[in-house]
Each structure stands twice: as structure tokens, then as C-alpha cells.
C-alpha atoms as a PDB file:
ATOM      1  CA  MET A   1     119.048  59.145 109.736  1.00  0.00           C
ATOM      2  CA  SER A   2     118.747  60.069 113.400  1.00  0.00           C
ATOM      3  CA  GLY A   3     118.662  63.627 114.663  1.00  0.00           C
ATOM      4  CA  GLY A   4     121.949  63.318 116.531  1.00  0.00           C
ATOM      5  CA  ALA A   5     124.609  65.984 117.050  1.00  0.00           C
ATOM      6  CA  GLY A   6     126.192  67.440 113.960  1.00  0.00           C
ATOM      7  CA  LEU A   7     122.996  67.646 111.930  1.00  0.00           C
ATOM      8  CA  THR A   8     123.840  69.315 108.625  1.00  0.00           C
ATOM      9  CA  GLN A   9     121.918  72.141 107.018  1.00  0.00           C
ATOM     10  CA  ARG A  10     120.668  69.785 104.316  1.00  0.00           C
ATOM     11  CA  ASP A  11     119.586  67.219 106.920  1.00  0.00           C
ATOM     12  CA  ALA A  12     117.615  69.888 108.774  1.00  0.00           C
ATOM     13  CA  LEU A  13     115.861  70.963 105.571  1.00  0.00           C
ATOM     14  CA  VAL A  14     114.964  67.363 104.697  1.00  0.00           C
ATOM     15  CA  ARG A  15     113.599  66.751 108.193  1.00  0.00           C
ATOM     16  CA  LEU A  16     111.617  69.986 108.018  1.00  0.00           C
ATOM     17  CA  GLY A  17     110.161  69.068 104.637  1.00  0.00           C
ATOM     18  CA  ALA A  18     109.343  65.504 105.671  1.00  0.00           C
ATOM     19  CA  SER A  19     107.632  66.476 108.936  1.00  0.00           C
ATOM     20  CA  THR A  20     105.542  69.105 107.199  1.00  0.00           C
ATOM     21  CA  ALA A  21     104.688  66.830 104.272  1.00  0.00           C
ATOM     22  CA  GLU A  22     103.645  63.988 106.569  1.00  0.00           C
ATOM     23  CA  ALA A  23     101.252  66.314 108.399  1.00  0.00           C
ATOM     24  CA  ILE A  24      99.763  67.490 105.111  1.00  0.00           C
ATOM     25  CA  ALA A  25      99.492  63.918 103.798  1.00  0.00           C
ATOM     26  CA  GLN A  26      97.458  62.886 106.852  1.00  0.00           C
ATOM     27  CA  VAL A  27      95.008  65.733 106.283  1.00  0.00           C
ATOM     28  CA  LEU A  28      94.748  64.918 102.575  1.00  0.00           C
ATOM     29  CA  GLU A  29      94.078  61.283 103.460  1.00  0.00           C
ATOM     30  CA  MET A  30      91.134  62.423 105.557  1.00  0.00           C
ATOM     31  CA  PHE A  31      89.604  64.172 102.553  1.00  0.00           C
ATOM     32  CA  ALA A  32      90.536  61.545  99.945  1.00  0.00           C
ATOM     33  CA  PRO A  33      91.037  58.169 101.698  1.00  0.00           C
ATOM     34  CA  GLY A  34      93.298  55.804  99.777  1.00  0.00           C
ATOM     35  CA  ALA A  35      94.001  58.293  96.981  1.00  0.00           C
ATOM     36  CA  ILE A  36      97.099  59.997  98.427  1.00  0.00           C
ATOM     37  CA  GLU A  37     100.748  59.160  97.786  1.00  0.00           C
ATOM     38  CA  ARG A  38     103.625  61.202  99.208  1.00  0.00           C
ATOM     39  CA  GLY A  39     106.919  61.393  97.377  1.00  0.00           C
ATOM     40  CA  ASP A  40     110.412  62.411  98.436  1.00  0.00           C
ATOM     41  CA  VAL A  41     111.642  65.733  99.780  1.00  0.00           C
ATOM     42  CA  SER A  42     114.050  67.614  97.507  1.00  0.00           C
ATOM     43  CA  VAL A  43     116.332  70.393  98.733  1.00  0.00           C
ATOM     44  CA  LEU A  44     116.612  72.914  95.922  1.00  0.00           C
ATOM     45  CA  ALA A  45     119.909  74.491  94.949  1.00  0.00           C
ATOM     46  CA  GLU A  46     120.479  78.036  96.193  1.00  0.00           C
ATOM     47  CA  GLY A  47     119.194  80.534  93.666  1.00  0.00           C
ATOM     48  CA  ALA A  48     116.928  78.000  91.936  1.00  0.00           C
ATOM     49  CA  ASN A  49     113.344  79.061  91.241  1.00  0.00           C
ATOM     50  CA  PRO A  50     111.167  76.706  93.344  1.00  0.00           C
ATOM     51  CA  PHE A  51     108.121  77.590  91.238  1.00  0.00           C
ATOM     52  CA  SER A  52     109.606  76.874  87.813  1.00  0.00           C
ATOM     53  CA  SER A  53     107.563  73.665  87.460  1.00  0.00           C
ATOM     54  CA  LEU A  54     104.197  75.405  87.924  1.00  0.00           C
ATOM     55  CA  THR A  55     102.072  75.675  84.811  1.00  0.00           C
ATOM     56  CA  ARG A  56      99.338  78.049  83.733  1.00  0.00           C
ATOM     57  CA  GLY A  57      96.076  77.156  85.442  1.00  0.00           C
ATOM     58  CA  ALA A  58      97.739  75.572  88.479  1.00  0.00           C
ATOM     59  CA  VAL A  59      96.001  76.200  91.808  1.00  0.00           C
ATOM     60  CA  ALA A  60      98.280  77.386  94.608  1.00  0.00           C
ATOM     61  CA  THR A  61      97.528  78.046  98.275  1.00  0.00           C
ATOM     62  CA  SER A  62     100.111  79.978 100.293  1.00  0.00           C
ATOM     63  CA  VAL A  63     100.595  80.963 103.925  1.00  0.00           C
ATOM     64  CA  SER A  64     103.261  82.921 105.742  1.00  0.00           C
ATOM     65  CA  TYR A  65     104.369  82.420 109.326  1.00  0.00           C
ATOM     66  CA  VAL A  66     103.372  85.522 111.259  1.00  0.00           C
ATOM     67  CA  ASP A  67     104.621  84.659 114.740  1.00  0.00           C
ATOM     68  CA  GLY A  68     107.370  82.475 116.151  1.00  0.00           C
ATOM     69  CA  VAL A  69     109.331  81.971 112.913  1.00  0.00           C
ATOM     70  CA  THR A  70     109.532  83.385 109.408  1.00  0.00           C
ATOM     71  CA  GLY A  71     109.061  81.558 106.142  1.00  0.00           C
ATOM     72  CA  ALA A  72     106.220  80.357 103.935  1.00  0.00           C
ATOM     73  CA  ASN A  73     104.513  77.247 102.584  1.00  0.00           C
ATOM     74  CA  VAL A  74     102.958  76.978  99.134  1.00  0.00           C
ATOM     75  CA  PHE A  75     100.833  73.983  98.124  1.00  0.00           C
ATOM     76  CA  ALA A  76     100.358  73.816  94.354  1.00  0.00           C
ATOM     77  CA  LEU A  77      98.071  71.492  92.399  1.00  0.00           C
ATOM     78  CA  THR A  78      97.639  70.902  88.704  1.00  0.00           C
ATOM     79  CA  PRO A  79      94.118  71.711  87.469  1.00  0.00           C
ATOM     80  CA  ALA A  80      93.380  67.968  87.263  1.00  0.00           C
ATOM     81  CA  GLY A  81      94.787  67.373  90.756  1.00  0.00           C
ATOM     82  CA  ALA A  82      92.687  70.224  92.131  1.00  0.00           C
ATOM     83  CA  ARG A  83      89.587  68.738  90.510  1.00  0.00           C
ATOM     84  CA  ASN A  84      90.400  65.307  91.966  1.00  0.00           C
ATOM     85  CA  LEU A  85      90.633  66.778  95.462  1.00  0.00           C
ATOM     86  CA  ALA A  86      87.413  68.750  95.083  1.00  0.00           C
ATOM     87  CA  SER A  87      85.656  65.665  93.721  1.00  0.00           C
ATOM     88  CA  ALA A  88      86.830  63.597  96.706  1.00  0.00           C
ATOM     89  CA  MET A  89      85.262  66.263  98.918  1.00  0.00           C
ATOM     90  CA  GLY A  90      81.913  65.810  97.200  1.00  0.00           C
ATOM     91  CA  VAL A  91      82.005  68.653  94.680  1.00  0.00           C
ATOM     92  CA  PRO A  92      81.108  67.463  91.173  1.00  0.00           C
ATOM     93  CA  ALA A  93      82.964  68.855  88.186  1.00  0.00           C
ATOM     94  CA  PRO A  94      80.892  71.142  85.957  1.00  0.00           C
ATOM     95  CA  ASP A  95      79.546  69.603  82.763  1.00  0.00           C
ATOM     96  CA  PRO A  96      81.608  70.503  79.679  1.00  0.00           C
ATOM     97  CA  PRO A  97      79.893  72.748  77.150  1.00  0.00           C
ATOM     98  CA  ALA A  98      78.229  70.769  74.371  1.00  0.00           C
ATOM     99  CA  ASP A  99      80.080  72.756  71.690  1.00  0.00           C
ATOM    100  CA  ASP A 100      83.539  72.410  73.271  1.00  0.00           C
ATOM    101  CA  GLY A 101      84.374  68.877  72.216  1.00  0.00           C
ATOM    102  CA  GLY A 102      84.016  67.527  75.751  1.00  0.00           C
ATOM    103  CA  LYS A 103      86.825  69.686  77.134  1.00  0.00           C
ATOM    104  CA  PRO A 104      86.339  70.161  80.893  1.00  0.00           C
ATOM    105  CA  GLU A 105      85.545  73.637  82.132  1.00  0.00           C
ATOM    106  CA  ALA A 106      87.792  75.689  84.367  1.00  0.00           C
ATOM    107  CA  LEU A 107      87.518  75.051  88.085  1.00  0.00           C
ATOM    108  CA  SER A 108      84.264  76.368  89.500  1.00  0.00           C
ATOM    109  CA  GLU A 109      83.961  78.659  92.511  1.00  0.00           C
ATOM    110  CA  LEU A 110      82.573  75.711  94.467  1.00  0.00           C
ATOM    111  CA  GLU A 111      85.615  73.593  93.591  1.00  0.00           C
ATOM    112  CA  LEU A 112      88.009  76.399  94.567  1.00  0.00           C
ATOM    113  CA  SER A 113      86.111  76.850  97.840  1.00  0.00           C
ATOM    114  CA  ALA A 114      86.553  73.168  98.659  1.00  0.00           C
ATOM    115  CA  ILE A 115      90.268  73.319  97.849  1.00  0.00           C
ATOM    116  CA  SER A 116      90.681  76.399 100.041  1.00  0.00           C
ATOM    117  CA  GLU A 117      88.992  74.614 102.948  1.00  0.00           C
ATOM    118  CA  ALA A 118      91.261  71.580 102.558  1.00  0.00           C
ATOM    119  CA  ALA A 119      94.325  73.805 102.250  1.00  0.00           C
ATOM    120  CA  ASN A 120      93.346  75.669 105.402  1.00  0.00           C
ATOM    121  CA  GLN A 121      93.467  72.404 107.355  1.00  0.00           C
ATOM    122  CA  MET A 122      96.678  71.277 105.612  1.00  0.00           C
ATOM    123  CA  MET A 123      98.537  74.471 106.431  1.00  0.00           C
ATOM    124  CA  ALA A 124      97.368  74.395 110.048  1.00  0.00           C
ATOM    125  CA  ALA A 125      98.669  70.829 110.319  1.00  0.00           C
ATOM    126  CA  ALA A 126     101.979  71.866 108.758  1.00  0.00           C
ATOM    127  CA  ALA A 127     102.413  74.666 111.294  1.00  0.00           C
ATOM    128  CA  SER A 128     101.597  72.260 114.137  1.00  0.00           C
ATOM    129  CA  ALA A 129     104.214  69.803 112.870  1.00  0.00           C
ATOM    130  CA  ILE A 130     106.879  72.505 112.810  1.00  0.00           C
ATOM    131  CA  GLY A 131     105.804  73.665 116.251  1.00  0.00           C
ATOM    132  CA  VAL A 132     106.324  70.132 117.584  1.00  0.00           C
ATOM    133  CA  VAL A 133     109.968  70.220 116.507  1.00  0.00           C
ATOM    134  CA  LEU A 134     110.671  73.784 117.637  1.00  0.00           C
ATOM    135  CA  GLY A 135     108.771  73.380 120.885  1.00  0.00           C
ATOM    136  CA  GLN A 136     106.628  76.478 120.374  1.00  0.00           C
ATOM    137  CA  GLU A 137     103.326  77.436 118.802  1.00  0.00           C
ATOM    138  CA  ILE A 138     103.552  78.657 115.221  1.00  0.00           C
ATOM    139  CA  GLU A 139     100.953  81.076 113.893  1.00  0.00           C
ATOM    140  CA  ILE A 140     100.202  81.424 110.196  1.00  0.00           C
ATOM    141  CA  SER A 141      98.487  84.005 108.038  1.00  0.00           C
ATOM    142  CA  PRO A 142      95.086  83.172 106.523  1.00  0.00           C
ATOM    143  CA  PRO A 143      95.673  80.891 103.512  1.00  0.00           C
ATOM    144  CA  GLU A 144      95.318  82.547 100.119  1.00  0.00           C
ATOM    145  CA  THR A 145      94.265  80.388  97.161  1.00  0.00           C
ATOM    146  CA  ARG A 146      94.783  81.638  93.624  1.00  0.00           C
ATOM    147  CA  VAL A 147      94.848  80.270  90.092  1.00  0.00           C
ATOM    148  CA  ILE A 148      98.237  80.850  88.474  1.00  0.00           C
ATOM    149  CA  GLU A 149      97.705  82.792  85.271  1.00  0.00           C
ATOM    150  CA  ASP A 150     101.354  83.716  84.679  1.00  0.00           C
ATOM    151  CA  PRO A 151     103.891  81.181  86.003  1.00  0.00           C
ATOM    152  CA  ALA A 152     106.744  83.620  85.321  1.00  0.00           C
ATOM    153  CA  ALA A 153     105.334  85.976  87.974  1.00  0.00           C
ATOM    154  CA  THR A 154     105.208  83.417  90.803  1.00  0.00           C
ATOM    155  CA  GLY A 155     108.305  84.875  92.443  1.00  0.00           C
ATOM    156  CA  GLU A 156     106.488  88.173  92.900  1.00  0.00           C
ATOM    157  CA  LEU A 157     103.434  86.383  94.311  1.00  0.00           C
ATOM    158  CA  PHE A 158     105.178  84.157  96.837  1.00  0.00           C
ATOM    159  CA  GLY A 159     108.543  85.829  97.416  1.00  0.00           C
ATOM    160  CA  SER A 160     111.880  84.100  97.824  1.00  0.00           C
ATOM    161  CA  SER A 161     114.165  82.791 100.546  1.00  0.00           C
ATOM    162  CA  ALA A 162     117.698  81.559 101.064  1.00  0.00           C
ATOM    163  CA  HIS A 163     116.552  77.924 101.070  1.00  0.00           C
ATOM    164  CA  ALA A 164     113.652  75.984  99.611  1.00  0.00           C
ATOM    165  CA  THR A 165     112.364  72.417  99.689  1.00  0.00           C
ATOM    166  CA  SER A 166     109.906  70.683  97.394  1.00  0.00           C
ATOM    167  CA  THR A 167     107.849  67.578  98.175  1.00  0.00           C
ATOM    168  CA  THR A 168     105.704  65.776  95.630  1.00  0.00           C
ATOM    169  CA  PHE A 169     102.281  64.237  96.232  1.00  0.00           C
ATOM    170  CA  LEU A 170      99.824  62.338  94.094  1.00  0.00           C
ATOM    171  CA  ILE A 171      96.078  62.913  94.498  1.00  0.00           C
ATOM    172  CA  GLY A 172      94.230  60.265  92.543  1.00  0.00           C
ATOM    173  CA  GLY A 173      97.292  59.873  90.321  1.00  0.00           C
ATOM    174  CA  GLU A 174      97.670  63.612  89.616  1.00  0.00           C
ATOM    175  CA  SER A 175     100.806  65.379  90.786  1.00  0.00           C
ATOM    176  CA  CYS A 176     100.875  68.236  93.275  1.00  0.00           C
ATOM    177  CA  ARG A 177     103.686  69.832  95.225  1.00  0.00           C
ATOM    178  CA  LEU A 178     104.497  71.379  98.606  1.00  0.00           C
ATOM    179  CA  ILE A 179     107.075  74.151  98.383  1.00  0.00           C
ATOM    180  CA  GLN A 180     108.629  75.569 101.542  1.00  0.00           C
ATOM    181  CA  LEU A 181     110.563  78.828 101.620  1.00  0.00           C
ATOM    182  CA  VAL A 182     113.011  78.638 104.507  1.00  0.00           C
ATOM    183  CA  PRO A 183     115.195  81.531 105.747  1.00  0.00           C
ATOM    184  CA  SER A 184     118.713  80.738 106.986  1.00  0.00           C
ATOM    185  CA  ALA A 185     117.839  81.619 110.596  1.00  0.00           C
ATOM    186  CA  PHE A 186     114.996  79.094 110.489  1.00  0.00           C
ATOM    187  CA  VAL A 187     117.372  76.357 109.312  1.00  0.00           C
ATOM    188  CA  VAL A 188     119.714  77.064 112.226  1.00  0.00           C
ATOM    189  CA  ARG A 189     116.870  76.868 114.734  1.00  0.00           C
ATOM    190  CA  MET A 190     115.547  73.724 113.099  1.00  0.00           C
ATOM    191  CA  ALA A 191     118.930  71.988 113.210  1.00  0.00           C
ATOM    192  CA  ARG A 192     119.395  72.896 116.865  1.00  0.00           C
ATOM    193  CA  ALA A 193     115.916  71.672 117.800  1.00  0.00           C
ATOM    194  CA  LEU A 194     116.362  68.406 115.890  1.00  0.00           C
ATOM    195  CA  ASP A 195     119.750  67.828 117.547  1.00  0.00           C
ATOM    196  CA  GLU A 196     118.082  68.215 120.934  1.00  0.00           C
ATOM    197  CA  LEU A 197     115.274  65.821 119.960  1.00  0.00           C
ATOM    198  CA  GLY A 198     117.827  63.299 118.738  1.00  0.00           C
ATOM    199  CA  ALA A 199     119.798  63.565 121.952  1.00  0.00           C
ATOM    200  CA  ASP A 200     116.676  62.988 124.019  1.00  0.00           C
ATOM    201  CA  GLY A 201     115.813  59.933 121.932  1.00  0.00           C
ATOM    202  CA  ASP A 202     119.315  58.515 122.321  1.00  0.00           C
ATOM    203  CA  ASP A 203     119.082  58.902 126.092  1.00  0.00           C
ATOM    204  CA  ASP A 204     115.870  56.958 126.624  1.00  0.00           C
ATOM    205  CA  GLY A 205     115.807  54.727 123.565  1.00  0.00           C
ATOM    206  CA  GLY A 206     112.270  55.846 122.803  1.00  0.00           C
ATOM    207  CA  GLY A 207     112.883  57.964 119.727  1.00  0.00           C
ATOM    208  CA  GLU A 208     110.693  57.163 116.739  1.00  0.00           C
ATOM    209  CA  SER A 209     112.711  59.057 114.137  1.00  0.00           C
ATOM    210  CA  ARG A 210     112.722  57.266 110.800  1.00  0.00           C
ATOM    211  CA  ASP A 211     115.472  57.007 108.215  1.00  0.00           C
ATOM    212  CA  ASP A 212     113.433  59.114 105.783  1.00  0.00           C
ATOM    213  CA  GLY A 213     113.552  62.045 108.186  1.00  0.00           C
ATOM    214  CA  GLU A 214     109.906  62.158 109.217  1.00  0.00           C
ATOM    215  CA  GLY A 215     110.662  62.830 112.890  1.00  0.00           C
ATOM    216  CA  SER A 216     108.622  61.572 115.802  1.00  0.00           C
ATOM    217  CA  THR A 217     105.377  60.012 114.604  1.00  0.00           C
ATOM    218  CA  THR A 218     103.893  60.141 118.084  1.00  0.00           C
ATOM    219  CA  SER A 219     104.570  63.862 118.452  1.00  0.00           C
ATOM    220  CA  LEU A 220     103.128  64.550 115.029  1.00  0.00           C
ATOM    221  CA  VAL A 221      99.917  62.640 115.748  1.00  0.00           C
ATOM    222  CA  ASP A 222      99.585  64.486 119.056  1.00  0.00           C
ATOM    223  CA  ALA A 223      99.928  67.814 117.244  1.00  0.00           C
ATOM    224  CA  LEU A 224      97.394  66.885 114.578  1.00  0.00           C
ATOM    225  CA  GLY A 225      94.998  65.867 117.315  1.00  0.00           C
ATOM    226  CA  GLU A 226      94.773  69.497 118.445  1.00  0.00           C
ATOM    227  CA  ILE A 227      93.632  70.836 115.059  1.00  0.00           C
ATOM    228  CA  LYS A 228      90.083  72.160 115.210  1.00  0.00           C
ATOM    229  CA  LEU A 229      87.611  70.911 112.593  1.00  0.00           C
ATOM    230  CA  ARG A 230      84.170  72.200 111.684  1.00  0.00           C
ATOM    231  CA  VAL A 231      81.432  69.774 112.726  1.00  0.00           C
ATOM    232  CA  TRP A 232      77.694  69.950 112.135  1.00  0.00           C
ATOM    233  CA  ALA A 233      74.674  67.642 112.090  1.00  0.00           C
ATOM    234  CA  GLU A 234      72.315  67.666 109.132  1.00  0.00           C
ATOM    235  CA  LEU A 235      68.614  66.828 109.332  1.00  0.00           C
ATOM    236  CA  GLY A 236      67.980  67.166 105.622  1.00  0.00           C
ATOM    237  CA  ARG A 237      68.146  69.474 102.625  1.00  0.00           C
ATOM    238  CA  THR A 238      65.924  71.287 100.197  1.00  0.00           C
ATOM    239  CA  GLN A 239      66.202  73.935  97.496  1.00  0.00           C
ATOM    240  CA  LEU A 240      64.258  77.187  97.451  1.00  0.00           C
ATOM    241  CA  PRO A 241      64.172  80.002  94.910  1.00  0.00           C
ATOM    242  CA  LEU A 242      65.902  83.068  96.312  1.00  0.00           C
ATOM    243  CA  GLY A 243      62.681  85.075  96.149  1.00  0.00           C
ATOM    244  CA  ARG A 244      60.799  82.539  98.241  1.00  0.00           C
ATOM    245  CA  ALA A 245      63.629  82.196 100.764  1.00  0.00           C
ATOM    246  CA  LEU A 246      63.734  85.972 101.272  1.00  0.00           C
ATOM    247  CA  GLY A 247      59.963  86.029 101.723  1.00  0.00           C
ATOM    248  CA  LEU A 248      59.658  83.284 104.325  1.00  0.00           C
ATOM    249  CA  PRO A 249      57.548  84.544 107.229  1.00  0.00           C
ATOM    250  CA  LEU A 250      58.092  83.666 110.859  1.00  0.00           C
ATOM    251  CA  GLY A 251      56.690  80.210 111.556  1.00  0.00           C
ATOM    252  CA  ALA A 252      56.954  79.053 107.943  1.00  0.00           C
ATOM    253  CA  VAL A 253      57.312  75.284 107.442  1.00  0.00           C
ATOM    254  CA  VAL A 254      59.941  74.127 104.953  1.00  0.00           C
ATOM    255  CA  GLU A 255      59.831  70.498 103.834  1.00  0.00           C
ATOM    256  CA  LEU A 256      63.128  68.601 103.786  1.00  0.00           C
ATOM    257  CA  ASP A 257      64.173  65.638 101.661  1.00  0.00           C
ATOM    258  CA  ARG A 258      64.021  63.177 104.588  1.00  0.00           C
ATOM    259  CA  THR A 259      61.404  61.877 106.954  1.00  0.00           C
ATOM    260  CA  ALA A 260      61.371  62.621 110.664  1.00  0.00           C
ATOM    261  CA  GLU A 261      62.541  59.058 111.377  1.00  0.00           C
ATOM    262  CA  SER A 262      65.550  59.235 109.014  1.00  0.00           C
ATOM    263  CA  PRO A 263      69.046  59.135 110.549  1.00  0.00           C
ATOM    264  CA  VAL A 264      70.810  62.432 111.121  1.00  0.00           C
ATOM    265  CA  GLU A 265      74.202  62.749 109.434  1.00  0.00           C
ATOM    266  CA  LEU A 266      77.251  64.137 111.197  1.00  0.00           C
ATOM    267  CA  PHE A 267      79.636  66.026 108.898  1.00  0.00           C
ATOM    268  CA  VAL A 268      83.289  66.737 109.683  1.00  0.00           C
ATOM    269  CA  ASN A 269      84.851  69.307 107.350  1.00  0.00           C
ATOM    270  CA  GLY A 270      82.383  68.466 104.613  1.00  0.00           C
ATOM    271  CA  MET A 271      82.719  64.699 104.968  1.00  0.00           C
ATOM    272  CA  SER A 272      79.814  62.487 106.045  1.00  0.00           C
ATOM    273  CA  PHE A 273      81.469  60.935 109.080  1.00  0.00           C
ATOM    274  CA  ALA A 274      78.726  59.274 111.130  1.00  0.00           C
ATOM    275  CA  GLN A 275      74.972  58.698 111.455  1.00  0.00           C
ATOM    276  CA  GLY A 276      72.832  58.986 114.530  1.00  0.00           C
ATOM    277  CA  ARG A 277      69.968  60.790 116.271  1.00  0.00           C
ATOM    278  CA  LEU A 278      69.347  64.198 117.747  1.00  0.00           C
ATOM    279  CA  ILE A 279      68.579  64.010 121.464  1.00  0.00           C
ATOM    280  CA  VAL A 280      67.942  66.479 124.264  1.00  0.00           C
ATOM    281  CA  THR A 281      70.379  66.438 127.180  1.00  0.00           C
ATOM    282  CA  ASP A 282      69.466  66.781 130.838  1.00  0.00           C
ATOM    283  CA  ASP A 283      70.407  70.467 130.527  1.00  0.00           C
ATOM    284  CA  GLY A 284      67.883  70.973 127.745  1.00  0.00           C
ATOM    285  CA  GLU A 285      70.536  71.256 125.008  1.00  0.00           C
ATOM    286  CA  TRP A 286      70.428  69.491 121.642  1.00  0.00           C
ATOM    287  CA  ALA A 287      73.108  66.844 121.107  1.00  0.00           C
ATOM    288  CA  PHE A 288      74.032  64.173 118.568  1.00  0.00           C
ATOM    289  CA  ALA A 289      73.872  60.503 119.606  1.00  0.00           C
ATOM    290  CA  CYS A 290      76.125  58.463 117.310  1.00  0.00           C
ATOM    291  CA  ASP A 291      74.744  55.139 116.019  1.00  0.00           C
ATOM    292  CA  ALA A 292      77.245  54.357 113.242  1.00  0.00           C
ATOM    293  CA  VAL A 293      80.709  55.611 112.292  1.00  0.00           C
ATOM    294  CA  GLY A 294      82.659  55.137 109.122  1.00  0.00           C
ATOM    295  CA  SER A 295      80.386  56.113 106.245  1.00  0.00           C
ATOM    296  CA  ARG A 296      82.782  58.173 104.200  1.00  0.00           C
ATOM    297  CA  GLY A 297      80.427  59.090 101.371  1.00  0.00           C
ATOM    298  CA  LEU A 298      80.539  62.802 100.607  1.00  0.00           C
ATOM    299  CA  ALA A 299      77.289  64.627 100.069  1.00  0.00           C
ATOM    300  CA  GLY A 300      76.464  68.186  99.168  1.00  0.00           C
ATOM    301  CA  PRO A 301      78.742  71.203  98.911  1.00  0.00           C
ATOM    302  CA  PRO A 302      81.895  71.551 101.002  1.00  0.00           C
ATOM    303  CA  ILE A 303      81.784  73.453 104.224  1.00  0.00           C
ATOM    304  CA  THR A 304      82.263  77.196 103.927  1.00  0.00           C
ATOM    305  CA  PRO A 305      82.968  79.804 106.595  1.00  0.00           C
ATOM    306  CA  THR A 306      79.225  80.603 106.744  1.00  0.00           C
ATOM    307  CA  GLN A 307      78.286  77.101 107.887  1.00  0.00           C
ATOM    308  CA  PRO A 308      78.035  76.246 111.598  1.00  0.00           C
ATOM    309  CA  GLU A 309      81.148  75.232 113.485  1.00  0.00           C
ATOM    310  CA  HIS A 310      79.232  73.156 116.039  1.00  0.00           C
ATOM    311  CA  GLU A 311      76.450  70.611 115.925  1.00  0.00           C
ATOM    312  CA  GLY A 312      73.246  71.996 114.491  1.00  0.00           C
ATOM    313  CA  ALA A 313      70.506  71.431 111.958  1.00  0.00           C
ATOM    314  CA  GLN A 314      70.922  72.430 108.349  1.00  0.00           C
ATOM    315  CA  THR A 315      68.135  72.954 105.828  1.00  0.00           C
END
């Protein structure tokens, strides 16, 4: 399907869902390479409850658009899917209690923190994808991650809208779902913008719109390229009792788990991305010199808002 004149309301919703889902899939692939599958976009019937398939214990992250457009995105994972994503980010599942027959424990705070970090990047990518189509920057509220205790109350948690789409994903074989709440005015704007994009593509023959409604791949990649990620360099790690850490005097020496000659690891959003050396620039600043790229092994806890956003040493 091209985005030519006469785009229907349903076509606009499918294109919206596909563009957003493709952006989210690319972010998920960064966290869990080779473990992501994206399914089809479904346009739900008016009046249908888009959250009826959620079950108790599901993990859902939601954002609202706060500037430019109105609407909301909700990314929901089954407990097993959430654990798969957290595990891919380097967070081990807690050991089951010995007296519980091997039943896995509920998601830990560390696992939920990792999922929130991934969802933050996913929702930012989704907003960028929509902004590409509408030709304007879209701002979103801070993502809110919660465990669904009462599926019947999801409407009160996430609200409702005239239109909704649902896109399925698989993370390591476990199902998850992107739900988009789309007001009527948004659909009209989306259809108009897609018609204009289709007309431009027809004029120069350079459109990259696909039959599955994913829109321009080039524009999407350009938008994703502007998303900011947290990056830091790690010299090594150690563990200290809280009492000792609080009592460290100025000038104290803390031993790390690596030698001075060991490679320094560069982490991108909690993922070990490259290895190299710390060097001093001509301006006297510390910098990271990359020696190898592509080691995707995940180590240690996921990044949290308290960790550095730029290159630095971590103990």
C-alpha cells in the first residue's frame, strides 16, 4: 500500500501502528539481538477494550503525548516476556524459593528497573517515528511502568480513545503487545501527512513505503539516530558493605576486580558495546579509545538514572 491520495482512516491507523512498532522493534533488537519478532498491526473495533487480553501480573509501560499531538502508547509484556527482556539486558532472574516447588519468583526491582529503562528508549523511538510522519517534534510524558494487579481496571489506568491499534511482538518466544490509543483528530492529521508523503514519493520515485505500511525506512532510521543513549566506561567493579562505603575517608584506595592493564569496557544503555583504553586528550580531558567493537555480552546491573550519562569510571 502506498500513501497516495484517498488514504482511509483504517489505512492511516495501520501506517501509524506499523511505523511506531518498527521503531520499537529496532530498540528491542538492540537490547535482545536476534530474539525479537514483530507481528501484524490490528485496528480494533470502536468500543472494544484494547486491554482485554492483559492478564494479572503483566508488566505495562505507558506514556502520553504532552505536546504536538494527543494520544498514548502502552507496551505490555507477560511476566515471562518481561523476564526474558530483563535477562537479555544482563539482569539474572531471582532464584526460586527452595520450598516453592521451583516456581519462579515475581519480578525483582532490578528486573523492573531494566524494563523501565528499555521502555524509556522504546517510547522515545516511537515518538520520533510519529514525528517523522507529522513533520514535527513530539514530546512524551515520563514513562510509567506498573505491574497489572487487576486487569479489569486497566481502562481507568490508561484511559480510552476513539481508536486503538494493537501490535504483537515476541521476545525470546514470549508474547508482548504495543497498544496505541488514537484520538480522531490524530487520525485525520496522520492521514493528511501520509497523503503528502505519498505524493512526494510519487513525484520523485524515491519513496520507500512498503506494502505492510511501515513508511519510509530511511526517515525512520534518521529519526532513531537522534535518540540519546546513556554511555559510560567501566574500569572495574567491587562490592563493599554499606558501613564501609559510608566510612571511606578522602584518599582511600578501593581495589577493583581488574588489573591496571585490563581493557576498559564501554557500555551503551547497559550493554557491553566495545573495549578499549582510557587516554588523556591534548586538552587534558579523559577519553575512551576504542580497540574492539561488537562484544554484546551483558554484565552487571542495568543502567539507572543515577549512573553517569557520559564516559567515566565506575567502581
